[in-house]
C-alpha atoms as a PDB file:
ATOM      1  CA  MET A   1      88.108  83.856 106.096  1.00  0.00           C
ATOM      2  CA  THR A   2      89.507  84.028 109.618  1.00  0.00           C
ATOM      3  CA  SER A   3      92.461  82.480 111.365  1.00  0.00           C
ATOM      4  CA  SER A   4      92.294  78.827 112.250  1.00  0.00           C
ATOM      5  CA  PRO A   5      92.691  78.188 116.003  1.00  0.00           C
ATOM      6  CA  ASP A   6      94.501  74.884 115.327  1.00  0.00           C
ATOM      7  CA  PHE A   7      97.115  76.413 112.990  1.00  0.00           C
ATOM      8  CA  LYS A   8     100.262  74.293 113.117  1.00  0.00           C
ATOM      9  CA  LEU A   9     103.649  75.255 111.748  1.00  0.00           C
ATOM     10  CA  GLU A  10     105.015  72.888 109.137  1.00  0.00           C
ATOM     11  CA  ASN A  11     108.551  72.346 107.933  1.00  0.00           C
ATOM     12  CA  THR A  12     108.290  74.931 105.182  1.00  0.00           C
ATOM     13  CA  THR A  13     108.755  78.638 104.585  1.00  0.00           C
ATOM     14  CA  TYR A  14     106.006  81.221 104.747  1.00  0.00           C
ATOM     15  CA  ASN A  15     105.377  84.671 103.292  1.00  0.00           C
ATOM     16  CA  LEU A  16     103.312  87.271 105.112  1.00  0.00           C
ATOM     17  CA  SER A  17     101.293  90.186 103.780  1.00  0.00           C
ATOM     18  CA  ILE A  18      99.882  92.827 106.145  1.00  0.00           C
ATOM     19  CA  GLN A  19      97.447  95.526 105.042  1.00  0.00           C
ATOM     20  CA  LEU A  20      97.147  98.527 107.371  1.00  0.00           C
ATOM     21  CA  SER A  21      94.626 101.328 107.625  1.00  0.00           C
ATOM     22  CA  LEU A  22      93.478 103.519 110.505  1.00  0.00           C
ATOM     23  CA  ASN A  23      90.290 101.460 110.650  1.00  0.00           C
ATOM     24  CA  GLY A  24      92.189  98.218 111.258  1.00  0.00           C
ATOM     25  CA  PHE A  25      94.404  95.660 109.573  1.00  0.00           C
ATOM     26  CA  SER A  26      94.329  92.341 107.797  1.00  0.00           C
ATOM     27  CA  PHE A  27      96.950  89.732 107.109  1.00  0.00           C
ATOM     28  CA  CYS A  28      97.453  86.805 104.777  1.00  0.00           C
ATOM     29  CA  ILE A  29      99.961  83.946 105.065  1.00  0.00           C
ATOM     30  CA  VAL A  30     101.005  81.691 102.198  1.00  0.00           C
ATOM     31  CA  ASN A  31     103.329  78.707 102.140  1.00  0.00           C
ATOM     32  CA  SER A  32     106.199  77.912  99.793  1.00  0.00           C
ATOM     33  CA  LYS A  33     103.678  76.557  97.239  1.00  0.00           C
ATOM     34  CA  ASN A  34     101.855  79.906  97.145  1.00  0.00           C
ATOM     35  CA  GLN A  35      98.840  78.406  98.879  1.00  0.00           C
ATOM     36  CA  ILE A  36      96.936  80.624 101.316  1.00  0.00           C
ATOM     37  CA  ILE A  37      97.293  78.998 104.722  1.00  0.00           C
ATOM     38  CA  THR A  38      95.294  81.469 106.747  1.00  0.00           C
ATOM     39  CA  SER A  39      94.056  85.037 106.688  1.00  0.00           C
ATOM     40  CA  GLU A  40      92.217  87.433 108.945  1.00  0.00           C
ATOM     41  CA  ASN A  41      90.346  90.683 108.419  1.00  0.00           C
ATOM     42  CA  ASN A  42      90.098  93.157 111.293  1.00  0.00           C
ATOM     43  CA  PHE A  43      88.842  96.214 109.416  1.00  0.00           C
ATOM     44  CA  SER A  44      86.009  98.168 111.026  1.00  0.00           C
ATOM     45  CA  GLU A  45      83.420 100.174 109.104  1.00  0.00           C
ATOM     46  CA  HIS A  46      82.544 102.335 112.105  1.00  0.00           C
ATOM     47  CA  HIS A  47      85.731 103.077 114.013  1.00  0.00           C
ATOM     48  CA  LEU A  48      88.987 104.859 113.316  1.00  0.00           C
ATOM     49  CA  PHE A  49      92.018 104.202 115.486  1.00  0.00           C
ATOM     50  CA  SER A  50      94.850 106.540 116.225  1.00  0.00           C
ATOM     51  CA  GLU A  51      98.164 105.392 114.822  1.00  0.00           C
ATOM     52  CA  GLN A  52      99.243 104.426 118.343  1.00  0.00           C
ATOM     53  CA  GLU A  53      96.057 102.385 118.938  1.00  0.00           C
ATOM     54  CA  LEU A  54      96.512 100.605 115.627  1.00  0.00           C
ATOM     55  CA  CYS A  55     100.103  99.780 116.551  1.00  0.00           C
ATOM     56  CA  GLU A  56      98.915  98.368 119.894  1.00  0.00           C
ATOM     57  CA  HIS A  57      96.336  96.130 118.172  1.00  0.00           C
ATOM     58  CA  LEU A  58      98.945  94.888 115.721  1.00  0.00           C
ATOM     59  CA  THR A  59     101.432  94.237 118.529  1.00  0.00           C
ATOM     60  CA  LYS A  60      98.802  92.238 120.415  1.00  0.00           C
ATOM     61  CA  ALA A  61      98.074  90.150 117.317  1.00  0.00           C
ATOM     62  CA  PHE A  62     101.754  89.242 116.936  1.00  0.00           C
ATOM     63  CA  LYS A  63     101.885  88.236 120.604  1.00  0.00           C
ATOM     64  CA  THR A  64      98.694  86.156 120.697  1.00  0.00           C
ATOM     65  CA  LYS A  65      98.175  84.573 117.262  1.00  0.00           C
ATOM     66  CA  PRO A  66     100.218  81.393 116.720  1.00  0.00           C
ATOM     67  CA  GLU A  67     100.155  81.773 112.926  1.00  0.00           C
ATOM     68  CA  LEU A  68     102.053  85.046 113.231  1.00  0.00           C
ATOM     69  CA  GLN A  69     104.898  83.194 114.957  1.00  0.00           C
ATOM     70  CA  ALA A  70     105.771  81.425 111.707  1.00  0.00           C
ATOM     71  CA  PRO A  71     109.297  81.847 110.272  1.00  0.00           C
ATOM     72  CA  PHE A  72     108.548  84.301 107.464  1.00  0.00           C
ATOM     73  CA  LYS A  73     110.848  84.405 104.474  1.00  0.00           C
ATOM     74  CA  ASP A  74     109.315  87.597 103.070  1.00  0.00           C
ATOM     75  CA  VAL A  75     107.081  90.204 104.689  1.00  0.00           C
ATOM     76  CA  SER A  76     105.056  92.709 102.645  1.00  0.00           C
ATOM     77  CA  VAL A  77     103.292  95.656 104.249  1.00  0.00           C
ATOM     78  CA  ILE A  78     100.603  97.605 102.394  1.00  0.00           C
ATOM     79  CA  TYR A  79      99.461 100.989 103.633  1.00  0.00           C
ATOM     80  CA  THR A  80      95.884 101.864 102.763  1.00  0.00           C
ATOM     81  CA  ASN A  81      95.041 105.514 103.255  1.00  0.00           C
ATOM     82  CA  GLU A  82      94.321 108.741 101.398  1.00  0.00           C
ATOM     83  CA  LEU A  83      97.791 110.144 102.055  1.00  0.00           C
ATOM     84  CA  TYR A  84      99.260 109.677  98.601  1.00  0.00           C
ATOM     85  CA  THR A  85      99.736 111.547  95.374  1.00  0.00           C
ATOM     86  CA  PHE A  86     100.880 110.521  91.887  1.00  0.00           C
ATOM     87  CA  VAL A  87     103.647 112.497  90.193  1.00  0.00           C
ATOM     88  CA  PRO A  88     104.821 112.071  86.569  1.00  0.00           C
ATOM     89  CA  LYS A  89     108.423 110.890  86.533  1.00  0.00           C
ATOM     90  CA  ASN A  90     109.549 113.717  84.298  1.00  0.00           C
ATOM     91  CA  LEU A  91     108.283 116.268  86.858  1.00  0.00           C
ATOM     92  CA  TYR A  92     109.587 114.499  89.941  1.00  0.00           C
ATOM     93  CA  ASP A  93     112.357 115.863  92.140  1.00  0.00           C
ATOM     94  CA  ALA A  94     113.124 113.680  95.165  1.00  0.00           C
ATOM     95  CA  LYS A  95     114.577 116.685  97.023  1.00  0.00           C
ATOM     96  CA  HIS A  96     111.156 118.357  97.246  1.00  0.00           C
ATOM     97  CA  LYS A  97     108.740 115.533  98.052  1.00  0.00           C
ATOM     98  CA  GLU A  98     106.633 117.623 100.424  1.00  0.00           C
ATOM     99  CA  LEU A  99     105.797 120.156  97.690  1.00  0.00           C
ATOM    100  CA  TYR A 100     103.787 117.593  95.743  1.00  0.00           C
ATOM    101  CA  PHE A 101     101.371 117.276  98.675  1.00  0.00           C
ATOM    102  CA  LYS A 102     100.842 121.019  99.015  1.00  0.00           C
ATOM    103  CA  PHE A 103      97.444 121.218  97.327  1.00  0.00           C
ATOM    104  CA  SER A 104      96.078 117.724  97.918  1.00  0.00           C
ATOM    105  CA  VAL A 105      97.187 116.251 101.259  1.00  0.00           C
ATOM    106  CA  LYS A 106      97.642 117.955 104.608  1.00  0.00           C
ATOM    107  CA  THR A 107     101.029 117.005 106.015  1.00  0.00           C
ATOM    108  CA  LEU A 108     102.863 117.531 109.287  1.00  0.00           C
ATOM    109  CA  THR A 109     106.499 118.491 109.671  1.00  0.00           C
ATOM    110  CA  THR A 110     107.105 115.113 111.324  1.00  0.00           C
ATOM    111  CA  ASP A 111     105.665 113.114 108.421  1.00  0.00           C
ATOM    112  CA  LEU A 112     108.054 110.928 106.472  1.00  0.00           C
ATOM    113  CA  ILE A 113     107.290 110.654 102.763  1.00  0.00           C
ATOM    114  CA  TYR A 114     108.175 107.508 100.856  1.00  0.00           C
ATOM    115  CA  GLU A 115     107.899 106.660  97.188  1.00  0.00           C
ATOM    116  CA  ASP A 116     106.711 103.812  95.013  1.00  0.00           C
ATOM    117  CA  VAL A 117     107.770 103.790  91.383  1.00  0.00           C
ATOM    118  CA  LEU A 118     105.020 102.201  89.328  1.00  0.00           C
ATOM    119  CA  LEU A 119     106.112  99.291  87.207  1.00  0.00           C
ATOM    120  CA  LEU A 120     103.839  99.921  84.225  1.00  0.00           C
ATOM    121  CA  ALA A 121     103.599 103.699  84.073  1.00  0.00           C
ATOM    122  CA  PRO A 122     106.108 106.589  84.245  1.00  0.00           C
ATOM    123  CA  ILE A 123     104.707 107.647  87.625  1.00  0.00           C
ATOM    124  CA  VAL A 124     106.050 108.031  91.153  1.00  0.00           C
ATOM    125  CA  ASN A 125     103.549 107.434  93.950  1.00  0.00           C
ATOM    126  CA  LEU A 126     104.423 109.473  97.039  1.00  0.00           C
ATOM    127  CA  PHE A 127     102.761 108.334 100.262  1.00  0.00           C
ATOM    128  CA  ILE A 128     102.935 108.706 104.025  1.00  0.00           C
ATOM    129  CA  PRO A 129     103.112 105.454 106.022  1.00  0.00           C
ATOM    130  CA  PHE A 130     102.529 104.967 109.747  1.00  0.00           C
ATOM    131  CA  VAL A 131     105.980 105.595 111.222  1.00  0.00           C
ATOM    132  CA  ASN A 132     105.335 103.967 114.623  1.00  0.00           C
ATOM    133  CA  ILE A 133     104.164 100.774 112.942  1.00  0.00           C
ATOM    134  CA  ASN A 134     107.092 100.809 110.530  1.00  0.00           C
ATOM    135  CA  ASN A 135     109.467 101.062 113.483  1.00  0.00           C
ATOM    136  CA  TYR A 136     107.714  98.220 115.307  1.00  0.00           C
ATOM    137  CA  LEU A 137     107.879  95.961 112.261  1.00  0.00           C
ATOM    138  CA  LEU A 138     111.544  96.810 111.706  1.00  0.00           C
ATOM    139  CA  ASP A 139     112.279  95.726 115.270  1.00  0.00           C
ATOM    140  CA  ARG A 140     110.433  92.497 114.677  1.00  0.00           C
ATOM    141  CA  PHE A 141     111.613  91.542 111.190  1.00  0.00           C
ATOM    142  CA  SER A 142     114.715  93.715 110.626  1.00  0.00           C
ATOM    143  CA  GLN A 143     113.603  94.176 107.009  1.00  0.00           C
ATOM    144  CA  PHE A 144     110.396  94.059 104.995  1.00  0.00           C
ATOM    145  CA  ASN A 145     108.890  95.511 101.840  1.00  0.00           C
ATOM    146  CA  PHE A 146     106.250  98.198 102.125  1.00  0.00           C
ATOM    147  CA  GLN A 147     104.188 100.109  99.598  1.00  0.00           C
ATOM    148  CA  HIS A 148     100.892 101.875  99.066  1.00  0.00           C
ATOM    149  CA  HIS A 149      97.793  99.958  98.025  1.00  0.00           C
ATOM    150  CA  SER A 150      97.136 102.294  95.090  1.00  0.00           C
ATOM    151  CA  SER A 151     100.456 101.346  93.480  1.00  0.00           C
ATOM    152  CA  LEU A 152      99.491  97.679  93.511  1.00  0.00           C
ATOM    153  CA  LEU A 153      96.028  98.334  92.087  1.00  0.00           C
ATOM    154  CA  VAL A 154      97.163 100.645  89.298  1.00  0.00           C
ATOM    155  CA  ASP A 155      99.917  98.305  88.104  1.00  0.00           C
ATOM    156  CA  TYR A 156      97.438  95.411  88.182  1.00  0.00           C
ATOM    157  CA  ILE A 157      94.825  97.302  86.156  1.00  0.00           C
ATOM    158  CA  LEU A 158      97.315  98.579  83.577  1.00  0.00           C
ATOM    159  CA  LYS A 159      98.542  95.045  83.068  1.00  0.00           C
ATOM    160  CA  GLU A 160      95.066  93.521  82.786  1.00  0.00           C
ATOM    161  CA  LYS A 161      93.565  96.211  80.541  1.00  0.00           C
ATOM    162  CA  LYS A 162      96.544  97.241  78.421  1.00  0.00           C
ATOM    163  CA  HIS A 163      94.768  96.509  75.130  1.00  0.00           C
ATOM    164  CA  ASN A 164      91.523  98.366  75.811  1.00  0.00           C
ATOM    165  CA  GLU A 165      91.031 101.255  73.403  1.00  0.00           C
ATOM    166  CA  SER A 166      88.341 103.024  75.444  1.00  0.00           C
ATOM    167  CA  GLU A 167      88.289 104.343  78.997  1.00  0.00           C
ATOM    168  CA  ILE A 168      87.544 101.788  81.720  1.00  0.00           C
ATOM    169  CA  VAL A 169      86.655 102.668  85.292  1.00  0.00           C
ATOM    170  CA  HIS A 170      87.593 100.355  88.152  1.00  0.00           C
ATOM    171  CA  LEU A 171      86.191 100.637  91.664  1.00  0.00           C
ATOM    172  CA  PHE A 172      87.816  99.076  94.710  1.00  0.00           C
ATOM    173  CA  PHE A 173      86.067  99.295  98.075  1.00  0.00           C
ATOM    174  CA  HIS A 174      87.610  99.528 101.526  1.00  0.00           C
ATOM    175  CA  ALA A 175      85.782  99.689 104.838  1.00  0.00           C
ATOM    176  CA  GLN A 176      85.422 103.477 104.952  1.00  0.00           C
ATOM    177  CA  HIS A 177      86.569 104.685 101.542  1.00  0.00           C
ATOM    178  CA  PHE A 178      86.877 103.534  97.949  1.00  0.00           C
ATOM    179  CA  ASP A 179      89.151 104.017  94.956  1.00  0.00           C
ATOM    180  CA  ILE A 180      88.275 105.158  91.453  1.00  0.00           C
ATOM    181  CA  ILE A 181      90.902 104.194  88.883  1.00  0.00           C
ATOM    182  CA  ILE A 182      90.447 105.046  85.217  1.00  0.00           C
ATOM    183  CA  SER A 183      92.690 103.825  82.423  1.00  0.00           C
ATOM    184  CA  LYS A 184      92.814 103.644  78.651  1.00  0.00           C
ATOM    185  CA  ASP A 185      95.154 101.244  76.842  1.00  0.00           C
ATOM    186  CA  SER A 186      98.243 101.210  79.077  1.00  0.00           C
ATOM    187  CA  THR A 187      97.725 104.800  80.241  1.00  0.00           C
ATOM    188  CA  LEU A 188      96.509 105.854  83.672  1.00  0.00           C
ATOM    189  CA  ILE A 189      93.967 108.677  83.475  1.00  0.00           C
ATOM    190  CA  LEU A 190      92.965 109.000  87.114  1.00  0.00           C
ATOM    191  CA  CYS A 191      93.469 107.375  90.491  1.00  0.00           C
ATOM    192  CA  ASN A 192      91.779 108.848  93.528  1.00  0.00           C
ATOM    193  CA  THR A 193      90.411 107.755  96.899  1.00  0.00           C
ATOM    194  CA  TYR A 194      87.127 109.005  98.347  1.00  0.00           C
ATOM    195  CA  LYS A 195      85.529 108.691 101.763  1.00  0.00           C
ATOM    196  CA  LYS A 196      82.164 106.968 101.916  1.00  0.00           C
ATOM    197  CA  GLU A 197      79.519 106.832 104.595  1.00  0.00           C
ATOM    198  CA  SER A 198      76.683 105.635 102.372  1.00  0.00           C
ATOM    199  CA  LYS A 199      75.948 104.199  98.950  1.00  0.00           C
ATOM    200  CA  GLU A 200      74.897 107.680  97.833  1.00  0.00           C
ATOM    201  CA  ASP A 201      78.443 108.915  98.486  1.00  0.00           C
ATOM    202  CA  VAL A 202      79.786 106.334  96.068  1.00  0.00           C
ATOM    203  CA  LEU A 203      77.274 107.264  93.384  1.00  0.00           C
ATOM    204  CA  TYR A 204      77.957 110.986  93.794  1.00  0.00           C
ATOM    205  CA  TYR A 205      81.743 110.718  93.508  1.00  0.00           C
ATOM    206  CA  LEU A 206      81.531 108.296  90.606  1.00  0.00           C
ATOM    207  CA  LEU A 207      79.118 110.421  88.568  1.00  0.00           C
ATOM    208  CA  PHE A 208      81.059 113.590  89.395  1.00  0.00           C
ATOM    209  CA  THR A 209      84.301 111.977  88.233  1.00  0.00           C
ATOM    210  CA  LEU A 210      82.741 110.794  84.989  1.00  0.00           C
ATOM    211  CA  GLU A 211      81.325 114.256  84.354  1.00  0.00           C
ATOM    212  CA  GLN A 212      84.684 115.954  84.934  1.00  0.00           C
ATOM    213  CA  LEU A 213      86.341 113.654  82.413  1.00  0.00           C
ATOM    214  CA  ASN A 214      83.488 113.940  79.886  1.00  0.00           C
ATOM    215  CA  LEU A 215      82.696 110.246  80.172  1.00  0.00           C
ATOM    216  CA  SER A 216      79.134 109.055  79.683  1.00  0.00           C
ATOM    217  CA  PRO A 217      77.561 106.828  82.392  1.00  0.00           C
ATOM    218  CA  ASN A 218      75.597 105.230  79.550  1.00  0.00           C
ATOM    219  CA  LYS A 219      78.665 104.247  77.548  1.00  0.00           C
ATOM    220  CA  THR A 220      81.570 103.868  79.983  1.00  0.00           C
ATOM    221  CA  THR A 221      82.367 100.461  81.430  1.00  0.00           C
ATOM    222  CA  VAL A 222      82.648 100.390  85.219  1.00  0.00           C
ATOM    223  CA  ILE A 223      84.180  97.285  86.810  1.00  0.00           C
ATOM    224  CA  LEU A 224      83.921  96.303  90.467  1.00  0.00           C
ATOM    225  CA  LEU A 225      87.177  94.758  91.665  1.00  0.00           C
ATOM    226  CA  ASN A 226      85.757  93.391  94.911  1.00  0.00           C
ATOM    227  CA  ALA A 227      82.413  92.524  96.457  1.00  0.00           C
ATOM    228  CA  ILE A 228      80.015  95.247  97.608  1.00  0.00           C
ATOM    229  CA  PRO A 229      76.641  95.126  99.411  1.00  0.00           C
ATOM    230  CA  LYS A 230      73.659  94.470  97.152  1.00  0.00           C
ATOM    231  CA  ALA A 231      72.170  97.881  97.991  1.00  0.00           C
ATOM    232  CA  TYR A 232      75.311  99.569  96.635  1.00  0.00           C
ATOM    233  CA  PHE A 233      75.249  97.514  93.453  1.00  0.00           C
ATOM    234  CA  ASP A 234      71.532  98.130  92.860  1.00  0.00           C
ATOM    235  CA  LEU A 235      71.914 101.908  93.213  1.00  0.00           C
ATOM    236  CA  LEU A 236      74.944 102.102  90.921  1.00  0.00           C
ATOM    237  CA  TYR A 237      73.213  99.890  88.376  1.00  0.00           C
ATOM    238  CA  LYS A 238      70.374 102.421  88.044  1.00  0.00           C
ATOM    239  CA  TYR A 239      72.797 105.044  86.751  1.00  0.00           C
ATOM    240  CA  ILE A 240      75.635 103.055  85.168  1.00  0.00           C
ATOM    241  CA  ARG A 241      74.546 101.069  82.150  1.00  0.00           C
ATOM    242  CA  HIS A 242      77.707  98.962  81.859  1.00  0.00           C
ATOM    243  CA  LEU A 243      78.355  98.013  85.485  1.00  0.00           C
ATOM    244  CA  ASN A 244      80.260  94.733  85.700  1.00  0.00           C
ATOM    245  CA  LYS A 245      81.949  92.593  88.300  1.00  0.00           C
ATOM    246  CA  ALA A 246      85.550  91.553  87.709  1.00  0.00           C
ATOM    247  CA  PRO A 247      85.870  87.951  86.485  1.00  0.00           C
ATOM    248  CA  LYS A 248      87.619  86.907  89.686  1.00  0.00           C
ATOM    249  CA  ILE A 249      86.199  88.707  92.705  1.00  0.00           C
ATOM    250  CA  THR A 250      88.304  88.049  95.793  1.00  0.00           C
ATOM    251  CA  THR A 251      88.442  89.652  99.226  1.00  0.00           C
ATOM    252  CA  HIS A 252      92.199  89.046  99.171  1.00  0.00           C
ATOM    253  CA  LEU A 253      93.058  90.988  96.007  1.00  0.00           C
ATOM    254  CA  ILE A 254      95.470  93.411  97.699  1.00  0.00           C
ATOM    255  CA  HIS A 255      97.253  90.529  99.443  1.00  0.00           C
ATOM    256  CA  HIS A 256      97.329  88.510  96.212  1.00  0.00           C
ATOM    257  CA  LEU A 257      99.042  91.383  94.432  1.00  0.00           C
ATOM    258  CA  ALA A 258     101.525  91.996  97.250  1.00  0.00           C
ATOM    259  CA  LEU A 259     102.380  88.282  97.458  1.00  0.00           C
ATOM    260  CA  GLN A 260     102.405  87.933  93.643  1.00  0.00           C
ATOM    261  CA  LEU A 261      99.954  85.032  93.725  1.00  0.00           C
END
């Protein structure tokens, strides 16, 4: 779904959700009745921007798209990248955030680390946003909410699958990477993000993850949270006996969760 060129502002309030990744951005606007008015997806499967280039594209969108001139009551920003790590609350010390990235994420001395506290698990999600874009959005809106996409997905899955007594694997696909999230009852077992250049990458990381956790591809349920190309589905289906699509597949899931639709 793309922006409508004849978008007209009405006498109502609007909420805006923006999802940002180094391969582009998307946005979704809803009205006071929680109806999606318009959305646009600018993610690229073949190109990565620098943070500065991404900021320039976002700035241009706010200058040229009439729907982004709406008077927004609430603005939610979701960062989608691999620069995050989950820390159990009982092991977390806010004074030493950078130490939790030491063995998993390469950081720079200039990086600012922020935290999400998961709603449905005793976990702190530490992540690195795009500082230039944060500063631009602060200048434009003065205040907004921002969080990491993995926090939204994990809370959603733990809520939806809280009564399942066996392990369930969820896959969520982005333009150039994908997430594997595994839960049992209301407990998170694993959440990780992997780069993908082909359908074979997805199969490899999925089977490797199952093997490491002693989960059988013949017995474990794997659920797709969003749409994937048929070639991807067909390959996964050869190796995963219980491969299912979520009951409500939507390209706007991240925005739905951020906007609480």
